[in-house]
């Protein structure tokens, strides 16, 4: 037979572990990605690039020449509603882990996840495929890192 003190302790531990599990679930829910706001169908994705030191101007020129026209063609076709590019104001701004960013706003989730049609656009815009591929290869050679961040807009009742 378990003494009253030990029994109370076991019951307390059981209750505490259940509460602890609830706390873990609550914490996990707070860390889970937020659902897309129903206020707008549009979806925004930030594409971050960290260019190797000394190659920023070359990267921007290559992006402007070979990739921006492809994005603009997709925008004209209605897949995207906006394409904007950014650089930090100062060297070392913030975390300093990116040197160039592109914010693309897609018409909706379906447009964001659908095939882009990029291959056909590239063939139409760049008949000299050898030069295009060489320049695109160079654009990625001078990168240290690249990552995409699809965002979920939160409507906070403002």
C-alpha atoms as a PDB file:
ATOM      1  CA  UNK A   1       0.000   0.000   0.000  1.00  0.00           C
ATOM      2  CA  UNK A   2       1.260   3.470  -0.859  1.00  0.00           C
ATOM      3  CA  UNK A   3       1.400   5.943   1.962  1.00  0.00           C
ATOM      4  CA  UNK A   4      -0.728   9.110   1.714  1.00  0.00           C
ATOM      5  CA  UNK A   5       2.357  11.294   1.243  1.00  0.00           C
ATOM      6  CA  UNK A   6       3.791   9.151  -1.548  1.00  0.00           C
ATOM      7  CA  UNK A   7       0.346   8.784  -3.161  1.00  0.00           C
ATOM      8  CA  UNK A   8      -0.153  12.542  -3.120  1.00  0.00           C
ATOM      9  CA  UNK A   9       3.296  12.989  -4.587  1.00  0.00           C
ATOM     10  CA  UNK A  10       2.582  10.465  -7.390  1.00  0.00           C
ATOM     11  CA  UNK A  11      -0.770  12.144  -8.121  1.00  0.00           C
ATOM     12  CA  UNK A  12       0.914  15.541  -8.118  1.00  0.00           C
ATOM     13  CA  UNK A  13       3.604  14.335 -10.525  1.00  0.00           C
ATOM     14  CA  UNK A  14       0.977  12.829 -12.814  1.00  0.00           C
ATOM     15  CA  UNK A  15      -1.004  16.077 -12.853  1.00  0.00           C
ATOM     16  CA  UNK A  16       2.169  18.082 -13.346  1.00  0.00           C
ATOM     17  CA  UNK A  17       3.275  15.892 -16.263  1.00  0.00           C
ATOM     18  CA  UNK A  18      -0.143  16.318 -17.910  1.00  0.00           C
ATOM     19  CA  UNK A  19       0.113  20.060 -17.450  1.00  0.00           C
ATOM     20  CA  UNK A  20       3.666  19.932 -18.738  1.00  0.00           C
ATOM     21  CA  UNK A  21       2.487  18.086 -21.840  1.00  0.00           C
ATOM     22  CA  UNK A  22      -0.191  20.731 -22.355  1.00  0.00           C
ATOM     23  CA  UNK A  23       2.466  23.433 -21.982  1.00  0.00           C
ATOM     24  CA  UNK A  24       4.657  21.677 -24.542  1.00  0.00           C
ATOM     25  CA  UNK A  25       1.725  21.467 -26.971  1.00  0.00           C
ATOM     26  CA  UNK A  26       0.919  25.145 -26.383  1.00  0.00           C
ATOM     27  CA  UNK A  27       4.549  26.132 -26.922  1.00  0.00           C
ATOM     28  CA  UNK A  28       4.696  24.063 -30.107  1.00  0.00           C
ATOM     29  CA  UNK A  29       1.527  25.725 -31.372  1.00  0.00           C
ATOM     30  CA  UNK A  30       3.035  29.143 -30.721  1.00  0.00           C
ATOM     31  CA  UNK A  31       6.122  28.153 -32.765  1.00  0.00           C
ATOM     32  CA  UNK A  32       4.113  26.642 -35.634  1.00  0.00           C
ATOM     33  CA  UNK A  33       3.842  28.641 -38.832  1.00  0.00           C
ATOM     34  CA  UNK A  34       0.906  30.994 -38.823  1.00  0.00           C
ATOM     35  CA  UNK A  35      -1.963  30.365 -41.157  1.00  0.00           C
ATOM     36  CA  UNK A  36      -2.350  32.697 -44.118  1.00  0.00           C
ATOM     37  CA  UNK A  37      -4.642  35.616 -43.394  1.00  0.00           C
ATOM     38  CA  UNK A  38      -7.956  35.375 -45.164  1.00  0.00           C
ATOM     39  CA  UNK A  39      -7.884  39.132 -45.760  1.00  0.00           C
ATOM     40  CA  UNK A  40      -5.991  38.661 -49.026  1.00  0.00           C
ATOM     41  CA  UNK A  41      -5.363  35.794 -51.402  1.00  0.00           C
ATOM     42  CA  UNK A  42      -1.933  37.147 -52.338  1.00  0.00           C
ATOM     43  CA  UNK A  43       1.173  35.345 -51.047  1.00  0.00           C
ATOM     44  CA  UNK A  44       4.552  37.016 -50.587  1.00  0.00           C
ATOM     45  CA  UNK A  45       7.890  35.232 -50.682  1.00  0.00           C
ATOM     46  CA  UNK A  46      11.226  36.849 -49.828  1.00  0.00           C
ATOM     47  CA  UNK A  47      14.248  35.462 -51.669  1.00  0.00           C
ATOM     48  CA  UNK A  48      17.499  36.269 -49.888  1.00  0.00           C
ATOM     49  CA  UNK A  49      20.986  36.200 -51.388  1.00  0.00           C
ATOM     50  CA  UNK A  50      24.346  36.628 -49.721  1.00  0.00           C
ATOM     51  CA  UNK A  51      26.866  37.603 -52.365  1.00  0.00           C
ATOM     52  CA  UNK A  52      30.568  36.947 -51.911  1.00  0.00           C
ATOM     53  CA  UNK A  53      32.518  40.005 -50.812  1.00  0.00           C
ATOM     54  CA  UNK A  54      33.496  42.176 -53.770  1.00  0.00           C
ATOM     55  CA  UNK A  55      30.973  40.726 -56.237  1.00  0.00           C
ATOM     56  CA  UNK A  56      27.769  42.601 -55.320  1.00  0.00           C
ATOM     57  CA  UNK A  57      27.734  44.864 -58.392  1.00  0.00           C
ATOM     58  CA  UNK A  58      28.361  41.923 -60.726  1.00  0.00           C
ATOM     59  CA  UNK A  59      25.596  39.914 -59.070  1.00  0.00           C
ATOM     60  CA  UNK A  60      23.094  42.771 -59.368  1.00  0.00           C
ATOM     61  CA  UNK A  61      23.954  43.292 -63.042  1.00  0.00           C
ATOM     62  CA  UNK A  62      23.581  39.576 -63.787  1.00  0.00           C
ATOM     63  CA  UNK A  63      20.287  39.433 -61.883  1.00  0.00           C
ATOM     64  CA  UNK A  64      19.009  42.492 -63.734  1.00  0.00           C
ATOM     65  CA  UNK A  65      20.083  41.089 -67.116  1.00  0.00           C
ATOM     66  CA  UNK A  66      19.128  37.437 -66.856  1.00  0.00           C
ATOM     67  CA  UNK A  67      16.586  36.858 -64.084  1.00  0.00           C
ATOM     68  CA  UNK A  68      14.543  40.026 -63.614  1.00  0.00           C
ATOM     69  CA  UNK A  69      13.111  39.875 -67.164  1.00  0.00           C
ATOM     70  CA  UNK A  70      11.930  36.311 -66.445  1.00  0.00           C
ATOM     71  CA  UNK A  71      10.187  37.473 -63.269  1.00  0.00           C
ATOM     72  CA  UNK A  72       8.663  40.466 -65.081  1.00  0.00           C
ATOM     73  CA  UNK A  73       7.319  38.143 -67.809  1.00  0.00           C
ATOM     74  CA  UNK A  74       5.645  36.030 -65.121  1.00  0.00           C
ATOM     75  CA  UNK A  75       4.214  39.213 -63.606  1.00  0.00           C
ATOM     76  CA  UNK A  76       2.860  40.312 -66.997  1.00  0.00           C
ATOM     77  CA  UNK A  77       1.249  36.880 -67.377  1.00  0.00           C
ATOM     78  CA  UNK A  78      -0.575  37.432 -64.063  1.00  0.00           C
ATOM     79  CA  UNK A  79       1.198  34.853 -61.895  1.00  0.00           C
ATOM     80  CA  UNK A  80       2.752  37.587 -59.750  1.00  0.00           C
ATOM     81  CA  UNK A  81       1.380  40.959 -58.735  1.00  0.00           C
ATOM     82  CA  UNK A  82       4.671  42.543 -57.649  1.00  0.00           C
ATOM     83  CA  UNK A  83       8.430  42.009 -57.897  1.00  0.00           C
ATOM     84  CA  UNK A  84      10.596  44.272 -55.738  1.00  0.00           C
ATOM     85  CA  UNK A  85      14.328  44.169 -55.020  1.00  0.00           C
ATOM     86  CA  UNK A  86      16.187  45.363 -51.923  1.00  0.00           C
ATOM     87  CA  UNK A  87      19.688  45.875 -50.576  1.00  0.00           C
ATOM     88  CA  UNK A  88      20.623  46.907 -47.023  1.00  0.00           C
ATOM     89  CA  UNK A  89      21.224  50.618 -46.517  1.00  0.00           C
ATOM     90  CA  UNK A  90      24.557  50.089 -44.775  1.00  0.00           C
ATOM     91  CA  UNK A  91      27.122  47.327 -44.874  1.00  0.00           C
ATOM     92  CA  UNK A  92      26.421  45.156 -41.863  1.00  0.00           C
ATOM     93  CA  UNK A  93      22.801  46.249 -41.357  1.00  0.00           C
ATOM     94  CA  UNK A  94      20.890  43.946 -39.067  1.00  0.00           C
ATOM     95  CA  UNK A  95      22.134  40.375 -39.041  1.00  0.00           C
ATOM     96  CA  UNK A  96      24.245  41.076 -42.137  1.00  0.00           C
ATOM     97  CA  UNK A  97      23.514  37.630 -43.515  1.00  0.00           C
ATOM     98  CA  UNK A  98      22.058  38.915 -46.787  1.00  0.00           C
ATOM     99  CA  UNK A  99      23.196  41.474 -49.344  1.00  0.00           C
ATOM    100  CA  UNK A 100      20.332  41.331 -51.874  1.00  0.00           C
ATOM    101  CA  UNK A 101      16.673  40.393 -51.538  1.00  0.00           C
ATOM    102  CA  UNK A 102      13.718  40.006 -53.846  1.00  0.00           C
ATOM    103  CA  UNK A 103      10.128  40.210 -52.608  1.00  0.00           C
ATOM    104  CA  UNK A 104       7.690  38.521 -54.941  1.00  0.00           C
ATOM    105  CA  UNK A 105       3.966  38.768 -54.369  1.00  0.00           C
ATOM    106  CA  UNK A 106       2.047  35.962 -56.036  1.00  0.00           C
ATOM    107  CA  UNK A 107      -1.586  36.311 -57.078  1.00  0.00           C
ATOM    108  CA  UNK A 108      -2.532  33.477 -54.696  1.00  0.00           C
ATOM    109  CA  UNK A 109      -1.247  30.196 -53.256  1.00  0.00           C
ATOM    110  CA  UNK A 110      -2.116  28.273 -56.415  1.00  0.00           C
ATOM    111  CA  UNK A 111       0.028  30.657 -58.484  1.00  0.00           C
ATOM    112  CA  UNK A 112       2.855  30.394 -55.956  1.00  0.00           C
ATOM    113  CA  UNK A 113       3.041  26.583 -56.056  1.00  0.00           C
ATOM    114  CA  UNK A 114       2.099  26.054 -59.724  1.00  0.00           C
ATOM    115  CA  UNK A 115       4.753  25.415 -62.356  1.00  0.00           C
ATOM    116  CA  UNK A 116       6.343  28.738 -63.243  1.00  0.00           C
ATOM    117  CA  UNK A 117       6.679  28.250 -66.981  1.00  0.00           C
ATOM    118  CA  UNK A 118      10.183  29.683 -66.560  1.00  0.00           C
ATOM    119  CA  UNK A 119      11.824  27.337 -69.078  1.00  0.00           C
ATOM    120  CA  UNK A 120       9.599  28.524 -71.922  1.00  0.00           C
ATOM    121  CA  UNK A 121      10.068  32.169 -70.902  1.00  0.00           C
ATOM    122  CA  UNK A 122      13.858  31.756 -70.801  1.00  0.00           C
ATOM    123  CA  UNK A 123      13.899  30.164 -74.265  1.00  0.00           C
ATOM    124  CA  UNK A 124      11.765  33.004 -75.643  1.00  0.00           C
ATOM    125  CA  UNK A 125      13.736  35.833 -73.979  1.00  0.00           C
ATOM    126  CA  UNK A 126      17.232  34.427 -74.478  1.00  0.00           C
ATOM    127  CA  UNK A 127      17.761  32.775 -77.876  1.00  0.00           C
ATOM    128  CA  UNK A 128      21.489  32.458 -77.087  1.00  0.00           C
ATOM    129  CA  UNK A 129      21.010  29.757 -74.465  1.00  0.00           C
ATOM    130  CA  UNK A 130      24.739  29.092 -74.080  1.00  0.00           C
ATOM    131  CA  UNK A 131      25.400  32.689 -72.984  1.00  0.00           C
ATOM    132  CA  UNK A 132      22.326  32.715 -70.742  1.00  0.00           C
ATOM    133  CA  UNK A 133      23.361  29.488 -68.987  1.00  0.00           C
ATOM    134  CA  UNK A 134      26.934  30.725 -68.569  1.00  0.00           C
ATOM    135  CA  UNK A 135      25.753  34.011 -67.006  1.00  0.00           C
ATOM    136  CA  UNK A 136      23.267  32.255 -64.720  1.00  0.00           C
ATOM    137  CA  UNK A 137      25.994  29.848 -63.627  1.00  0.00           C
ATOM    138  CA  UNK A 138      28.216  32.827 -62.839  1.00  0.00           C
ATOM    139  CA  UNK A 139      25.411  34.515 -60.882  1.00  0.00           C
ATOM    140  CA  UNK A 140      25.241  31.502 -58.585  1.00  0.00           C
ATOM    141  CA  UNK A 141      29.029  30.999 -58.418  1.00  0.00           C
ATOM    142  CA  UNK A 142      29.441  34.377 -56.727  1.00  0.00           C
ATOM    143  CA  UNK A 143      26.872  33.591 -54.026  1.00  0.00           C
ATOM    144  CA  UNK A 144      27.700  32.445 -50.537  1.00  0.00           C
ATOM    145  CA  UNK A 145      24.087  31.583 -49.713  1.00  0.00           C
ATOM    146  CA  UNK A 146      20.543  31.775 -51.013  1.00  0.00           C
ATOM    147  CA  UNK A 147      17.244  30.987 -49.256  1.00  0.00           C
ATOM    148  CA  UNK A 148      13.522  31.519 -49.799  1.00  0.00           C
ATOM    149  CA  UNK A 149      11.050  32.601 -47.115  1.00  0.00           C
ATOM    150  CA  UNK A 150       7.354  32.223 -47.979  1.00  0.00           C
ATOM    151  CA  UNK A 151       5.514  34.548 -45.605  1.00  0.00           C
ATOM    152  CA  UNK A 152       2.139  34.204 -43.925  1.00  0.00           C
ATOM    153  CA  UNK A 153       0.495  37.559 -43.352  1.00  0.00           C
ATOM    154  CA  UNK A 154      -1.154  37.940 -39.976  1.00  0.00           C
ATOM    155  CA  UNK A 155      -4.221  40.078 -39.607  1.00  0.00           C
ATOM    156  CA  UNK A 156      -3.910  41.574 -36.131  1.00  0.00           C
ATOM    157  CA  UNK A 157      -7.115  43.580 -36.253  1.00  0.00           C
ATOM    158  CA  UNK A 158      -5.576  46.882 -37.209  1.00  0.00           C
END
